[in-house]
Amino acid sequence: MMQLISHPLDATDTAFENDCRTISCLFDQREMEALIKANGSIGEFGIEVPQVLNSAVAKRQAEFVAGRYCARLALQKLGYTAYKNPIEIGKFKQPLWPEGIIGSITHSKGFAASTVANGSGLKGVGIDSENMIQKSTAKRVAAHILTAGELARASRHYFTSDEQYLTVLFSAKESIYKCLFPIIKSFFGFHVADITIDPECPGKFGFELTQDLNSDFQAGFSHFGFFVIDGNVVHTRVIL
């Protein structure tokens, strides 16, 4: 039902290997949905569907279970060997980590992953996985996701299609958001980060903030992340 695998980014983004722990899995969506509908949980993995998701569709519940399962194993891999408490959902639907831990969870059509780290050494982590955006919707959503610079930038020609370029930047911005939101505790849109692809380092992107978020993250702040295209899925990761 759930098969643990190496994260597709593990071979690319090794800079924080000693600080972070990542667990990834493939899961059978239909089988998990059927068990959750019947039992309200998947006892084999010990992850209960919380009350706040009781009215959610079975697909969302199955993704929740898979993501939280990866998160629990990642925490245990980090050294919390006996950790079995649920990772609850916060006010803004963010995962609530144990004291002193930072982390991120993602899931996308049968794939789930979580990266965690001790907050004493790192500030934030964000991971994201996205299925390729369809051509039929790409043009409609591009203006909502891309800045004017990203729309005009020549780096889009490093990709096999506009849809691939759009998906990489969309996922990168999701990772940036997941990384920064727990720090600044405020929502921000896609246009807050302007992304460039590093032509000399395959799989690496840089980003610059276009407006102030707080005193530490102001317009002009720049950092980097990594991406990998694995078939029809894009994976990204940002670590501060």
Foldseek 3Di string as FASTA:
>chain_A
DKDKDDPPCCVAPCPCVVFKFKIKIFADQVVQLVVCVVPQHDVVQLAHQDPVCPVPHSSVSSQVNRQQSQVQVRVCVQPVVVDDDGQDADPVRATHDPPQKEKEWEDDDRMIMMMMGGCVVFPFKFKYKYFFDDPVCCVVCQVQQADPCLVPPPQCVVDPDVSVSSQQLNRQLRGVCRGCCVPLVDDDGNQQWHKDDDPVRPFKIKIFGCAQSDPVRGGGDMDMWGWDDDPRMIMIMDID
